[in-house]
Every structure is written in C-alpha cells, then in structure tokens.
C-alpha cells in the first residue's frame, strides 16, 4: 500500500511539472485567466 501511495505521488508530481511547462499554451488556447490557471494547479496539488 505504501509503495502504491509513493507511485501515485510521483505521477502527480510529474503531471504538475508537465502542466506548468505547458501553462502558457493552455492559457492561450482556453483563454484562462491567472486565477483560473491557479485553480488548475490547485487541483493537481490537492490530489
């Protein structure tokens, strides 16, 4: 169980890093504000 939790934490971290690199493109494509993009990052942090 502990290994499963660690693997999930690693995957979530990698997802967050990837989305932060793609954030400018995501913001322009979806026309998101800084606040809305903050909500997106918060969703990854909470998980």
N, C-alpha and C. Protein backbone atom coordinates (compact mmCIF):
# COMPACT_ATOMS: atom_id res chain seq x y z
N UNK A 1 0.83 -1.19 0.00
CA UNK A 1 0.00 0.00 0.00
C UNK A 1 0.87 1.25 0.00
N UNK A 2 1.93 1.23 0.80
CA UNK A 2 2.82 2.38 0.88
C UNK A 2 3.48 2.65 -0.48
N UNK A 3 3.89 1.59 -1.16
CA UNK A 3 4.52 1.75 -2.48
C UNK A 3 3.53 2.35 -3.48
N UNK A 4 2.28 1.93 -3.41
CA UNK A 4 1.25 2.47 -4.28
C UNK A 4 1.08 3.97 -4.06
N UNK A 5 1.07 4.40 -2.82
CA UNK A 5 0.93 5.81 -2.48
C UNK A 5 2.13 6.60 -3.01
N UNK A 6 3.31 6.06 -2.87
CA UNK A 6 4.52 6.72 -3.36
C UNK A 6 4.47 6.87 -4.89
N UNK A 7 4.08 5.81 -5.57
CA UNK A 7 3.99 5.86 -7.04
C UNK A 7 2.97 6.91 -7.48
N UNK A 8 1.83 6.96 -6.82
CA UNK A 8 0.82 7.97 -7.15
C UNK A 8 1.33 9.38 -6.90
N UNK A 9 2.09 9.58 -5.83
CA UNK A 9 2.66 10.89 -5.54
C UNK A 9 3.65 11.30 -6.63
N UNK A 10 4.43 10.36 -7.09
CA UNK A 10 5.41 10.65 -8.15
C UNK A 10 4.69 11.01 -9.45
N UNK A 11 3.66 10.26 -9.80
CA UNK A 11 2.91 10.54 -11.02
C UNK A 11 2.25 11.91 -10.94
N UNK A 12 1.68 12.25 -9.79
CA UNK A 12 1.05 13.55 -9.62
C UNK A 12 2.06 14.67 -9.75
N UNK A 13 3.25 14.47 -9.18
CA UNK A 13 4.31 15.48 -9.28
C UNK A 13 4.73 15.68 -10.73
N UNK A 14 4.91 14.59 -11.46
CA UNK A 14 5.30 14.69 -12.87
C UNK A 14 4.22 15.40 -13.67
N UNK A 15 2.95 15.09 -13.41
CA UNK A 15 1.86 15.78 -14.09
C UNK A 15 1.89 17.27 -13.82
N UNK A 16 2.15 17.63 -12.59
CA UNK A 16 2.18 19.05 -12.23
C UNK A 16 3.32 19.78 -12.91
N UNK A 17 4.47 19.13 -13.01
CA UNK A 17 5.62 19.73 -13.69
C UNK A 17 5.30 19.92 -15.17
N UNK A 18 4.70 18.90 -15.77
CA UNK A 18 4.36 18.98 -17.20
C UNK A 18 3.34 20.07 -17.47
N UNK A 19 2.33 20.18 -16.62
CA UNK A 19 1.30 21.19 -16.86
C UNK A 19 1.87 22.60 -16.63
N UNK A 20 2.82 22.73 -15.73
CA UNK A 20 3.41 24.06 -15.52
C UNK A 20 4.25 24.48 -16.73
N UNK A 21 4.86 23.52 -17.40
CA UNK A 21 5.61 23.84 -18.62
C UNK A 21 4.68 24.20 -19.77
N UNK A 22 3.52 23.60 -19.80
CA UNK A 22 2.55 23.85 -20.87
C UNK A 22 1.56 24.96 -20.53
N UNK A 23 1.68 25.55 -19.36
CA UNK A 23 0.71 26.54 -18.88
C UNK A 23 0.49 27.71 -19.85
N UNK A 24 1.53 28.29 -20.41
CA UNK A 24 1.27 29.42 -21.33
C UNK A 24 0.42 29.01 -22.54
N UNK A 25 0.69 27.85 -23.07
CA UNK A 25 -0.09 27.38 -24.23
C UNK A 25 -1.53 27.04 -23.82
N UNK A 26 -1.68 26.43 -22.66
CA UNK A 26 -3.02 26.09 -22.16
C UNK A 26 -3.83 27.36 -21.93
N UNK A 27 -3.19 28.35 -21.30
CA UNK A 27 -3.89 29.61 -21.02
C UNK A 27 -4.35 30.30 -22.30
N UNK A 28 -3.48 30.31 -23.31
CA UNK A 28 -3.86 31.00 -24.54
C UNK A 28 -4.92 30.21 -25.32
N UNK A 29 -4.82 28.89 -25.35
CA UNK A 29 -5.80 28.08 -26.08
C UNK A 29 -7.18 28.13 -25.44
N UNK A 30 -7.22 28.05 -24.11
CA UNK A 30 -8.50 28.02 -23.40
C UNK A 30 -8.95 29.38 -22.90
N UNK A 31 -8.11 30.41 -23.13
CA UNK A 31 -8.40 31.78 -22.70
C UNK A 31 -8.68 31.85 -21.20
N UNK A 32 -7.77 31.26 -20.42
CA UNK A 32 -7.90 31.25 -18.97
C UNK A 32 -7.17 32.44 -18.36
N UNK A 33 -7.70 32.93 -17.25
CA UNK A 33 -7.02 34.00 -16.51
C UNK A 33 -5.99 33.37 -15.57
N UNK A 34 -5.21 34.23 -14.92
CA UNK A 34 -4.23 33.74 -13.93
C UNK A 34 -4.94 33.01 -12.80
N UNK A 35 -6.07 33.53 -12.37
CA UNK A 35 -6.82 32.91 -11.27
C UNK A 35 -7.33 31.53 -11.67
N UNK A 36 -7.85 31.42 -12.86
CA UNK A 36 -8.35 30.13 -13.31
C UNK A 36 -7.21 29.12 -13.46
N UNK A 37 -6.06 29.59 -13.92
CA UNK A 37 -4.91 28.69 -14.03
C UNK A 37 -4.45 28.28 -12.64
N UNK A 38 -4.58 29.15 -11.66
CA UNK A 38 -4.28 28.80 -10.29
C UNK A 38 -5.17 27.68 -9.78
N UNK A 39 -6.42 27.70 -10.18
CA UNK A 39 -7.34 26.61 -9.80
C UNK A 39 -6.89 25.30 -10.42
N UNK A 40 -6.40 25.35 -11.64
CA UNK A 40 -5.90 24.14 -12.29
C UNK A 40 -4.72 23.57 -11.52
N UNK A 41 -3.78 24.44 -11.14
CA UNK A 41 -2.62 23.99 -10.37
C UNK A 41 -3.04 23.48 -8.99
N UNK A 42 -4.05 24.11 -8.40
CA UNK A 42 -4.53 23.67 -7.10
C UNK A 42 -5.13 22.26 -7.17
N UNK A 43 -5.80 21.98 -8.27
CA UNK A 43 -6.38 20.64 -8.43
C UNK A 43 -5.29 19.57 -8.42
N UNK A 44 -4.15 19.87 -9.03
CA UNK A 44 -3.05 18.91 -9.02
C UNK A 44 -2.39 18.83 -7.65
N UNK A 45 -2.33 19.95 -6.94
CA UNK A 45 -1.72 19.94 -5.60
C UNK A 45 -2.58 19.14 -4.62
N UNK A 46 -3.89 19.34 -4.68
CA UNK A 46 -4.80 18.64 -3.76
C UNK A 46 -4.76 17.14 -3.97
N UNK A 47 -4.68 16.74 -5.24
CA UNK A 47 -4.67 15.30 -5.50
C UNK A 47 -3.37 14.69 -5.06
